[in-house]
């Protein structure tokens, strides 16, 4: 279901550092709050000027009482500038954009399991907020490189989610990856929602394919326009509405992450091309 989007300028309520390279920002927007669905994103201008030129796509982390929260990682110059903003500064936001998760469960026969790698947990918290309204058994698997990088455990536990954690260095939870956690939990009755780096997503795809488990993936992708016009975020898929000719004249099928996604059925993506 498509939602109406808005271009708004809002005053920042808070912009707080939550780990060595991650920040949580809040602002109020009745317009966006009334439309946004889990899995959608906001396109945010990082400064008051056009330098840097392009907005940055950031997932909606949480919405409550018209207060929008985003959780973002400082990766480059744009998000670095965004992290310098303080309470009272103005933020220029376009959104909500893209497609969200289809999180309606099939009665009690389907149990949701959320799988987040690193900052990939960001869109999954908003999803967890909605899932606990219809299911009392929501499991969230969080993967991080080390204990200091783990995000959102307290918030998820306050929602009464069952939370399990893995770290690459073994400093907290399972010594391994979040895919290792999923392997222990996986069965045919689950509905999987996942977000994280592409190598992790490829492993999840291989795993859920063996069980034929219903799975949706939120892709993290660089975006220019954010509204599907530039085709800069196009990915190859199995069955697509958009077609483009490659240099050899063969037809290839593409979808735009910003417009057709960022949420896709995991089976739809041609992972070999990612």
C-alpha atoms as a PDB file:
ATOM      1  CA  UNK A   1       0.000   0.000   0.000  1.00  0.00           C
ATOM      2  CA  UNK A   2       1.431   3.376  -1.055  1.00  0.00           C
ATOM      3  CA  UNK A   3       1.375   6.269   1.355  1.00  0.00           C
ATOM      4  CA  UNK A   4       1.350  10.001   0.849  1.00  0.00           C
ATOM      5  CA  UNK A   5       4.695  11.707   1.398  1.00  0.00           C
ATOM      6  CA  UNK A   6       5.528  15.170   2.655  1.00  0.00           C
ATOM      7  CA  UNK A   7       8.380  17.652   2.452  1.00  0.00           C
ATOM      8  CA  UNK A   8       8.755  19.236   5.878  1.00  0.00           C
ATOM      9  CA  UNK A   9      11.200  21.318   7.863  1.00  0.00           C
ATOM     10  CA  UNK A  10      11.124  20.483  11.553  1.00  0.00           C
ATOM     11  CA  UNK A  11      12.974  21.441  14.698  1.00  0.00           C
ATOM     12  CA  UNK A  12      15.202  18.716  16.131  1.00  0.00           C
ATOM     13  CA  UNK A  13      14.208  17.672  19.629  1.00  0.00           C
ATOM     14  CA  UNK A  14      17.267  15.570  20.332  1.00  0.00           C
ATOM     15  CA  UNK A  15      20.310  14.187  18.510  1.00  0.00           C
ATOM     16  CA  UNK A  16      22.118  11.819  20.860  1.00  0.00           C
ATOM     17  CA  UNK A  17      25.157   9.598  20.425  1.00  0.00           C
ATOM     18  CA  UNK A  18      24.215   6.017  21.354  1.00  0.00           C
ATOM     19  CA  UNK A  19      27.420   4.185  20.416  1.00  0.00           C
ATOM     20  CA  UNK A  20      30.848   4.986  19.005  1.00  0.00           C
ATOM     21  CA  UNK A  21      29.422   5.784  15.558  1.00  0.00           C
ATOM     22  CA  UNK A  22      25.609   5.729  15.863  1.00  0.00           C
ATOM     23  CA  UNK A  23      23.145   8.487  16.741  1.00  0.00           C
ATOM     24  CA  UNK A  24      19.451   8.708  17.548  1.00  0.00           C
ATOM     25  CA  UNK A  25      17.605  11.814  16.362  1.00  0.00           C
ATOM     26  CA  UNK A  26      14.026  12.826  17.206  1.00  0.00           C
ATOM     27  CA  UNK A  27      11.667  15.411  15.774  1.00  0.00           C
ATOM     28  CA  UNK A  28       7.913  15.906  15.683  1.00  0.00           C
ATOM     29  CA  UNK A  29       5.889  15.545  12.493  1.00  0.00           C
ATOM     30  CA  UNK A  30       2.190  14.806  12.580  1.00  0.00           C
ATOM     31  CA  UNK A  31       2.182  14.565   8.784  1.00  0.00           C
ATOM     32  CA  UNK A  32       4.835  11.840   8.532  1.00  0.00           C
ATOM     33  CA  UNK A  33       3.691  10.044  11.673  1.00  0.00           C
ATOM     34  CA  UNK A  34       0.210   9.632  10.226  1.00  0.00           C
ATOM     35  CA  UNK A  35       1.504   7.962   7.055  1.00  0.00           C
ATOM     36  CA  UNK A  36       4.715   6.050   7.826  1.00  0.00           C
ATOM     37  CA  UNK A  37       4.781   2.256   7.905  1.00  0.00           C
ATOM     38  CA  UNK A  38       7.575  -0.036   9.174  1.00  0.00           C
ATOM     39  CA  UNK A  39      10.225  -0.434   6.513  1.00  0.00           C
ATOM     40  CA  UNK A  40       9.752   2.961   4.901  1.00  0.00           C
ATOM     41  CA  UNK A  41      12.471   5.600   4.976  1.00  0.00           C
ATOM     42  CA  UNK A  42      13.021   9.352   5.124  1.00  0.00           C
ATOM     43  CA  UNK A  43      15.207  11.328   2.730  1.00  0.00           C
ATOM     44  CA  UNK A  44      17.080  13.853   4.822  1.00  0.00           C
ATOM     45  CA  UNK A  45      19.101  16.904   3.848  1.00  0.00           C
ATOM     46  CA  UNK A  46      22.224  16.938   6.011  1.00  0.00           C
ATOM     47  CA  UNK A  47      22.831  20.701   6.023  1.00  0.00           C
ATOM     48  CA  UNK A  48      20.956  23.935   5.404  1.00  0.00           C
ATOM     49  CA  UNK A  49      22.785  24.331   2.087  1.00  0.00           C
ATOM     50  CA  UNK A  50      23.118  22.079  -0.974  1.00  0.00           C
ATOM     51  CA  UNK A  51      26.530  20.843   0.106  1.00  0.00           C
ATOM     52  CA  UNK A  52      26.451  17.896   0.144  1.00  0.00           C
ATOM     53  CA  UNK A  53      23.982  17.928  -2.730  1.00  0.00           C
ATOM     54  CA  UNK A  54      22.248  14.603  -2.151  1.00  0.00           C
ATOM     55  CA  UNK A  55      19.936  13.765   0.705  1.00  0.00           C
ATOM     56  CA  UNK A  56      20.599  10.679   2.832  1.00  0.00           C
ATOM     57  CA  UNK A  57      18.063   7.835   3.104  1.00  0.00           C
ATOM     58  CA  UNK A  58      17.459   6.840   6.734  1.00  0.00           C
ATOM     59  CA  UNK A  59      14.915   4.317   7.992  1.00  0.00           C
ATOM     60  CA  UNK A  60      12.125   5.253  10.363  1.00  0.00           C
ATOM     61  CA  UNK A  61      13.208   3.790  13.707  1.00  0.00           C
ATOM     62  CA  UNK A  62      10.178   4.585  15.837  1.00  0.00           C
ATOM     63  CA  UNK A  63       6.976   6.623  15.904  1.00  0.00           C
ATOM     64  CA  UNK A  64       5.064   7.440  19.056  1.00  0.00           C
ATOM     65  CA  UNK A  65       2.706  10.359  19.704  1.00  0.00           C
ATOM     66  CA  UNK A  66       3.812  12.024  16.445  1.00  0.00           C
ATOM     67  CA  UNK A  67       7.462  11.907  17.540  1.00  0.00           C
ATOM     68  CA  UNK A  68       9.671  10.458  14.799  1.00  0.00           C
ATOM     69  CA  UNK A  69      12.921   8.746  15.746  1.00  0.00           C
ATOM     70  CA  UNK A  70      15.700   7.811  13.373  1.00  0.00           C
ATOM     71  CA  UNK A  71      18.747   5.717  14.222  1.00  0.00           C
ATOM     72  CA  UNK A  72      21.698   6.267  11.907  1.00  0.00           C
ATOM     73  CA  UNK A  73      25.362   5.403  11.583  1.00  0.00           C
ATOM     74  CA  UNK A  74      28.046   7.932  10.700  1.00  0.00           C
ATOM     75  CA  UNK A  75      29.542   6.524   7.514  1.00  0.00           C
ATOM     76  CA  UNK A  76      30.657   9.501   5.440  1.00  0.00           C
ATOM     77  CA  UNK A  77      30.603  13.262   5.226  1.00  0.00           C
ATOM     78  CA  UNK A  78      26.815  13.605   5.005  1.00  0.00           C
ATOM     79  CA  UNK A  79      25.948  11.596   8.099  1.00  0.00           C
ATOM     80  CA  UNK A  80      28.941  13.157   9.819  1.00  0.00           C
ATOM     81  CA  UNK A  81      27.427  16.604   9.298  1.00  0.00           C
ATOM     82  CA  UNK A  82      24.040  15.306  10.406  1.00  0.00           C
ATOM     83  CA  UNK A  83      25.571  14.089  13.660  1.00  0.00           C
ATOM     84  CA  UNK A  84      26.718  17.660  14.445  1.00  0.00           C
ATOM     85  CA  UNK A  85      23.174  18.988  14.578  1.00  0.00           C
ATOM     86  CA  UNK A  86      21.802  19.805  17.998  1.00  0.00           C
ATOM     87  CA  UNK A  87      18.478  20.390  19.710  1.00  0.00           C
ATOM     88  CA  UNK A  88      16.704  23.368  18.149  1.00  0.00           C
ATOM     89  CA  UNK A  89      18.374  23.060  14.752  1.00  0.00           C
ATOM     90  CA  UNK A  90      16.138  22.571  11.726  1.00  0.00           C
ATOM     91  CA  UNK A  91      15.990  19.383   9.687  1.00  0.00           C
ATOM     92  CA  UNK A  92      14.667  19.134   6.102  1.00  0.00           C
ATOM     93  CA  UNK A  93      12.849  15.826   5.579  1.00  0.00           C
ATOM     94  CA  UNK A  94      11.084  14.193   2.631  1.00  0.00           C
ATOM     95  CA  UNK A  95       8.965  11.152   3.431  1.00  0.00           C
ATOM     96  CA  UNK A  96       7.804   8.626   4.174  1.00  0.00           C
ATOM     97  CA  UNK A  97       9.167   6.990   1.026  1.00  0.00           C
ATOM     98  CA  UNK A  98       9.284   3.488  -0.435  1.00  0.00           C
ATOM     99  CA  UNK A  99       7.414   0.323   0.431  1.00  0.00           C
ATOM    100  CA  UNK A 100       7.135  -1.112   3.911  1.00  0.00           C
ATOM    101  CA  UNK A 101       6.994  -4.587   5.393  1.00  0.00           C
ATOM    102  CA  UNK A 102       3.920  -6.751   4.960  1.00  0.00           C
ATOM    103  CA  UNK A 103       3.662  -7.760   8.591  1.00  0.00           C
ATOM    104  CA  UNK A 104       0.168  -9.242   8.752  1.00  0.00           C
ATOM    105  CA  UNK A 105       0.492 -12.715  10.249  1.00  0.00           C
ATOM    106  CA  UNK A 106      -1.519 -15.781   9.278  1.00  0.00           C
ATOM    107  CA  UNK A 107      -3.303 -16.384  12.623  1.00  0.00           C
ATOM    108  CA  UNK A 108      -1.149 -18.178  15.205  1.00  0.00           C
ATOM    109  CA  UNK A 109       0.418 -20.486  12.630  1.00  0.00           C
ATOM    110  CA  UNK A 110       3.092 -17.921  11.755  1.00  0.00           C
ATOM    111  CA  UNK A 111       5.581 -16.518  14.233  1.00  0.00           C
ATOM    112  CA  UNK A 112       7.656 -13.439  13.379  1.00  0.00           C
ATOM    113  CA  UNK A 113      11.409 -13.419  13.727  1.00  0.00           C
ATOM    114  CA  UNK A 114      13.372 -10.228  13.068  1.00  0.00           C
ATOM    115  CA  UNK A 115      17.035 -10.445  12.053  1.00  0.00           C
ATOM    116  CA  UNK A 116      19.186  -7.317  12.210  1.00  0.00           C
ATOM    117  CA  UNK A 117      22.862  -7.012  11.402  1.00  0.00           C
ATOM    118  CA  UNK A 118      24.583  -3.883  12.732  1.00  0.00           C
ATOM    119  CA  UNK A 119      22.633  -0.712  11.928  1.00  0.00           C
ATOM    120  CA  UNK A 120      20.189  -3.010  10.080  1.00  0.00           C
ATOM    121  CA  UNK A 121      18.281  -3.244  13.350  1.00  0.00           C
ATOM    122  CA  UNK A 122      17.015   0.327  12.773  1.00  0.00           C
ATOM    123  CA  UNK A 123      13.917  -0.380  10.618  1.00  0.00           C
ATOM    124  CA  UNK A 124      13.163  -3.547  12.581  1.00  0.00           C
ATOM    125  CA  UNK A 125      12.418  -1.757  15.841  1.00  0.00           C
ATOM    126  CA  UNK A 126       9.493   0.129  14.284  1.00  0.00           C
ATOM    127  CA  UNK A 127       8.326  -3.213  12.869  1.00  0.00           C
ATOM    128  CA  UNK A 128       8.575  -4.817  16.314  1.00  0.00           C
ATOM    129  CA  UNK A 129       6.404  -2.029  17.733  1.00  0.00           C
ATOM    130  CA  UNK A 130       3.652  -2.996  15.301  1.00  0.00           C
ATOM    131  CA  UNK A 131       4.085  -6.771  15.542  1.00  0.00           C
ATOM    132  CA  UNK A 132       3.669  -6.911  19.326  1.00  0.00           C
ATOM    133  CA  UNK A 133       0.200  -5.466  18.827  1.00  0.00           C
ATOM    134  CA  UNK A 134      -0.891  -8.668  17.075  1.00  0.00           C
ATOM    135  CA  UNK A 135       1.498 -11.324  18.407  1.00  0.00           C
ATOM    136  CA  UNK A 136       2.808 -12.085  21.902  1.00  0.00           C
ATOM    137  CA  UNK A 137       5.771 -14.087  20.628  1.00  0.00           C
ATOM    138  CA  UNK A 138       8.123 -11.835  18.686  1.00  0.00           C
ATOM    139  CA  UNK A 139      11.780 -12.893  18.460  1.00  0.00           C
ATOM    140  CA  UNK A 140      14.545 -10.482  17.502  1.00  0.00           C
ATOM    141  CA  UNK A 141      18.061 -11.586  16.584  1.00  0.00           C
ATOM    142  CA  UNK A 142      20.766  -8.929  16.713  1.00  0.00           C
ATOM    143  CA  UNK A 143      24.246  -9.269  15.257  1.00  0.00           C
ATOM    144  CA  UNK A 144      27.188  -6.957  15.905  1.00  0.00           C
ATOM    145  CA  UNK A 145      30.965  -7.048  15.604  1.00  0.00           C
ATOM    146  CA  UNK A 146      31.495  -6.451  19.334  1.00  0.00           C
ATOM    147  CA  UNK A 147      29.570  -5.727  22.548  1.00  0.00           C
ATOM    148  CA  UNK A 148      30.093  -1.960  22.204  1.00  0.00           C
ATOM    149  CA  UNK A 149      28.279  -1.972  18.861  1.00  0.00           C
ATOM    150  CA  UNK A 150      25.076  -3.692  19.994  1.00  0.00           C
ATOM    151  CA  UNK A 151      21.981  -1.551  19.569  1.00  0.00           C
ATOM    152  CA  UNK A 152      18.380  -1.555  20.853  1.00  0.00           C
ATOM    153  CA  UNK A 153      18.403  -4.483  23.315  1.00  0.00           C
ATOM    154  CA  UNK A 154      16.755  -2.533  26.160  1.00  0.00           C
ATOM    155  CA  UNK A 155      14.134  -0.989  23.903  1.00  0.00           C
ATOM    156  CA  UNK A 156      13.186  -4.333  22.377  1.00  0.00           C
ATOM    157  CA  UNK A 157      12.973  -6.046  25.747  1.00  0.00           C
ATOM    158  CA  UNK A 158      10.631  -3.293  26.958  1.00  0.00           C
ATOM    159  CA  UNK A 159       8.327  -4.360  24.111  1.00  0.00           C
ATOM    160  CA  UNK A 160       8.464  -7.917  25.566  1.00  0.00           C
ATOM    161  CA  UNK A 161      10.325  -9.219  22.541  1.00  0.00           C
ATOM    162  CA  UNK A 162      12.532 -12.268  22.962  1.00  0.00           C
ATOM    163  CA  UNK A 163      16.005 -10.929  22.139  1.00  0.00           C
ATOM    164  CA  UNK A 164      19.085 -12.968  21.243  1.00  0.00           C
ATOM    165  CA  UNK A 165      22.480 -11.494  20.369  1.00  0.00           C
ATOM    166  CA  UNK A 166      25.609 -12.602  18.562  1.00  0.00           C
ATOM    167  CA  UNK A 167      28.970 -10.866  18.313  1.00  0.00           C
ATOM    168  CA  UNK A 168      31.789 -11.598  15.911  1.00  0.00           C
ATOM    169  CA  UNK A 169      34.388 -11.451  18.688  1.00  0.00           C
ATOM    170  CA  UNK A 170      32.333 -13.324  21.299  1.00  0.00           C
ATOM    171  CA  UNK A 171      32.279 -10.387  23.718  1.00  0.00           C
ATOM    172  CA  UNK A 172      28.498 -10.755  24.206  1.00  0.00           C
ATOM    173  CA  UNK A 173      25.967 -13.446  23.421  1.00  0.00           C
ATOM    174  CA  UNK A 174      26.752 -16.115  20.866  1.00  0.00           C
ATOM    175  CA  UNK A 175      30.274 -16.099  19.482  1.00  0.00           C
ATOM    176  CA  UNK A 176      29.375 -16.012  15.808  1.00  0.00           C
ATOM    177  CA  UNK A 177      27.077 -14.231  13.405  1.00  0.00           C
ATOM    178  CA  UNK A 178      23.388 -13.412  13.464  1.00  0.00           C
ATOM    179  CA  UNK A 179      22.963 -16.013  10.702  1.00  0.00           C
ATOM    180  CA  UNK A 180      24.232 -18.611  13.179  1.00  0.00           C
ATOM    181  CA  UNK A 181      21.506 -17.473  15.569  1.00  0.00           C
ATOM    182  CA  UNK A 182      18.884 -17.751  12.842  1.00  0.00           C
ATOM    183  CA  UNK A 183      20.049 -21.263  11.953  1.00  0.00           C
ATOM    184  CA  UNK A 184      19.237 -22.377  15.497  1.00  0.00           C
ATOM    185  CA  UNK A 185      15.765 -20.834  15.400  1.00  0.00           C
ATOM    186  CA  UNK A 186      14.610 -21.568  11.877  1.00  0.00           C
ATOM    187  CA  UNK A 187      11.541 -23.662  11.141  1.00  0.00           C
ATOM    188  CA  UNK A 188       8.753 -23.658   8.563  1.00  0.00           C
ATOM    189  CA  UNK A 189       6.299 -21.755  10.807  1.00  0.00           C
ATOM    190  CA  UNK A 190       8.354 -18.583  10.931  1.00  0.00           C
ATOM    191  CA  UNK A 191       7.941 -15.358   9.006  1.00  0.00           C
ATOM    192  CA  UNK A 192      11.356 -13.738   8.704  1.00  0.00           C
ATOM    193  CA  UNK A 193      12.089 -10.003   8.419  1.00  0.00           C
ATOM    194  CA  UNK A 194      15.718  -9.076   7.864  1.00  0.00           C
ATOM    195  CA  UNK A 195      17.977  -6.061   7.337  1.00  0.00           C
ATOM    196  CA  UNK A 196      21.744  -5.784   7.287  1.00  0.00           C
ATOM    197  CA  UNK A 197      24.835  -5.804   5.055  1.00  0.00           C
ATOM    198  CA  UNK A 198      24.607  -7.644   1.730  1.00  0.00           C
ATOM    199  CA  UNK A 199      26.982 -10.543   2.612  1.00  0.00           C
ATOM    200  CA  UNK A 200      24.762 -11.325   5.604  1.00  0.00           C
ATOM    201  CA  UNK A 201      21.598 -11.084   3.496  1.00  0.00           C
ATOM    202  CA  UNK A 202      23.028 -13.533   0.973  1.00  0.00           C
ATOM    203  CA  UNK A 203      23.630 -16.048   3.757  1.00  0.00           C
ATOM    204  CA  UNK A 204      20.119 -15.550   5.103  1.00  0.00           C
ATOM    205  CA  UNK A 205      18.714 -16.130   1.622  1.00  0.00           C
ATOM    206  CA  UNK A 206      20.578 -19.428   1.301  1.00  0.00           C
ATOM    207  CA  UNK A 207      19.360 -20.520   4.724  1.00  0.00           C
ATOM    208  CA  UNK A 208      15.671 -19.645   4.400  1.00  0.00           C
ATOM    209  CA  UNK A 209      15.547 -21.136   0.906  1.00  0.00           C
ATOM    210  CA  UNK A 210      16.242 -24.566   2.362  1.00  0.00           C
ATOM    211  CA  UNK A 211      13.167 -24.284   4.592  1.00  0.00           C
ATOM    212  CA  UNK A 212      10.970 -22.389   2.108  1.00  0.00           C
ATOM    213  CA  UNK A 213      10.294 -19.818   4.830  1.00  0.00           C
ATOM    214  CA  UNK A 214       8.392 -16.621   4.026  1.00  0.00           C
ATOM    215  CA  UNK A 215      11.031 -13.879   4.214  1.00  0.00           C
ATOM    216  CA  UNK A 216      11.179 -10.152   3.553  1.00  0.00           C
ATOM    217  CA  UNK A 217      14.356  -8.124   3.302  1.00  0.00           C
ATOM    218  CA  UNK A 218      14.967  -4.394   3.698  1.00  0.00           C
ATOM    219  CA  UNK A 219      17.890  -3.297   1.523  1.00  0.00           C
ATOM    220  CA  UNK A 220      20.391  -0.639   2.516  1.00  0.00           C
ATOM    221  CA  UNK A 221      21.377   1.216  -0.646  1.00  0.00           C
ATOM    222  CA  UNK A 222      22.845   4.538  -1.719  1.00  0.00           C
ATOM    223  CA  UNK A 223      20.092   6.647  -3.282  1.00  0.00           C
ATOM    224  CA  UNK A 224      20.204   9.890  -5.244  1.00  0.00           C
ATOM    225  CA  UNK A 225      16.675  11.113  -5.885  1.00  0.00           C
ATOM    226  CA  UNK A 226      14.808   8.806  -3.480  1.00  0.00           C
ATOM    227  CA  UNK A 227      11.661   8.820  -5.613  1.00  0.00           C
ATOM    228  CA  UNK A 228      12.501   6.437  -8.452  1.00  0.00           C
ATOM    229  CA  UNK A 229      13.434   8.953 -11.155  1.00  0.00           C
ATOM    230  CA  UNK A 230      17.172   8.488 -11.530  1.00  0.00           C
ATOM    231  CA  UNK A 231      17.432   4.660 -11.489  1.00  0.00           C
ATOM    232  CA  UNK A 232      20.650   4.991  -9.485  1.00  0.00           C
ATOM    233  CA  UNK A 233      19.558   2.406  -6.923  1.00  0.00           C
ATOM    234  CA  UNK A 234      18.170  -0.181  -9.373  1.00  0.00           C
ATOM    235  CA  UNK A 235      18.785  -3.856  -8.636  1.00  0.00           C
ATOM    236  CA  UNK A 236      18.248  -6.926 -10.785  1.00  0.00           C
ATOM    237  CA  UNK A 237      15.304  -9.100  -9.768  1.00  0.00           C
ATOM    238  CA  UNK A 238      13.605 -12.282 -10.872  1.00  0.00           C
ATOM    239  CA  UNK A 239      10.348 -10.801 -12.116  1.00  0.00           C
ATOM    240  CA  UNK A 240      10.053  -7.090 -12.614  1.00  0.00           C
ATOM    241  CA  UNK A 241       7.904  -4.321 -13.962  1.00  0.00           C
ATOM    242  CA  UNK A 242      10.819  -2.186 -15.091  1.00  0.00           C
ATOM    243  CA  UNK A 243      12.962  -3.132 -18.061  1.00  0.00           C
ATOM    244  CA  UNK A 244      16.193  -1.708 -19.354  1.00  0.00           C
ATOM    245  CA  UNK A 245      18.455  -2.656 -22.267  1.00  0.00           C
ATOM    246  CA  UNK A 246      22.057  -3.489 -21.419  1.00  0.00           C
ATOM    247  CA  UNK A 247      25.012  -2.747 -23.691  1.00  0.00           C
ATOM    248  CA  UNK A 248      24.571  -6.031 -25.582  1.00  0.00           C
ATOM    249  CA  UNK A 249      20.932  -5.354 -26.309  1.00  0.00           C
ATOM    250  CA  UNK A 250      19.621  -8.040 -23.951  1.00  0.00           C
ATOM    251  CA  UNK A 251      16.670  -7.187 -21.756  1.00  0.00           C
ATOM    252  CA  UNK A 252      17.358  -7.120 -18.014  1.00  0.00           C
ATOM    253  CA  UNK A 253      14.721  -6.645 -15.334  1.00  0.00           C
ATOM    254  CA  UNK A 254      15.212  -4.108 -12.577  1.00  0.00           C
ATOM    255  CA  UNK A 255      13.457  -2.596  -9.602  1.00  0.00           C
ATOM    256  CA  UNK A 256      14.302   0.597  -7.809  1.00  0.00           C
ATOM    257  CA  UNK A 257      15.181   0.201  -4.154  1.00  0.00           C
ATOM    258  CA  UNK A 258      13.842   3.659  -3.308  1.00  0.00           C
ATOM    259  CA  UNK A 259      10.488   3.315  -5.083  1.00  0.00           C
ATOM    260  CA  UNK A 260       9.733  -0.413  -5.399  1.00  0.00           C
ATOM    261  CA  UNK A 261      11.550  -1.218  -2.146  1.00  0.00           C
ATOM    262  CA  UNK A 262      13.427  -0.919   0.096  1.00  0.00           C
ATOM    263  CA  UNK A 263      11.477  -3.996   1.258  1.00  0.00           C
ATOM    264  CA  UNK A 264      11.384  -6.996  -1.082  1.00  0.00           C
ATOM    265  CA  UNK A 265      10.499 -10.663  -0.917  1.00  0.00           C
ATOM    266  CA  UNK A 266      13.905 -12.262  -0.432  1.00  0.00           C
ATOM    267  CA  UNK A 267      13.265 -14.695  -3.307  1.00  0.00           C
ATOM    268  CA  UNK A 268      12.729 -11.812  -5.715  1.00  0.00           C
ATOM    269  CA  UNK A 269      16.293 -10.520  -5.662  1.00  0.00           C
ATOM    270  CA  UNK A 270      19.028 -11.875  -7.921  1.00  0.00           C
ATOM    271  CA  UNK A 271      21.606 -12.137  -5.164  1.00  0.00           C
ATOM    272  CA  UNK A 272      24.421 -13.107  -7.515  1.00  0.00           C
ATOM    273  CA  UNK A 273      24.185  -9.588  -8.975  1.00  0.00           C
ATOM    274  CA  UNK A 274      24.350  -7.789  -5.621  1.00  0.00           C
END
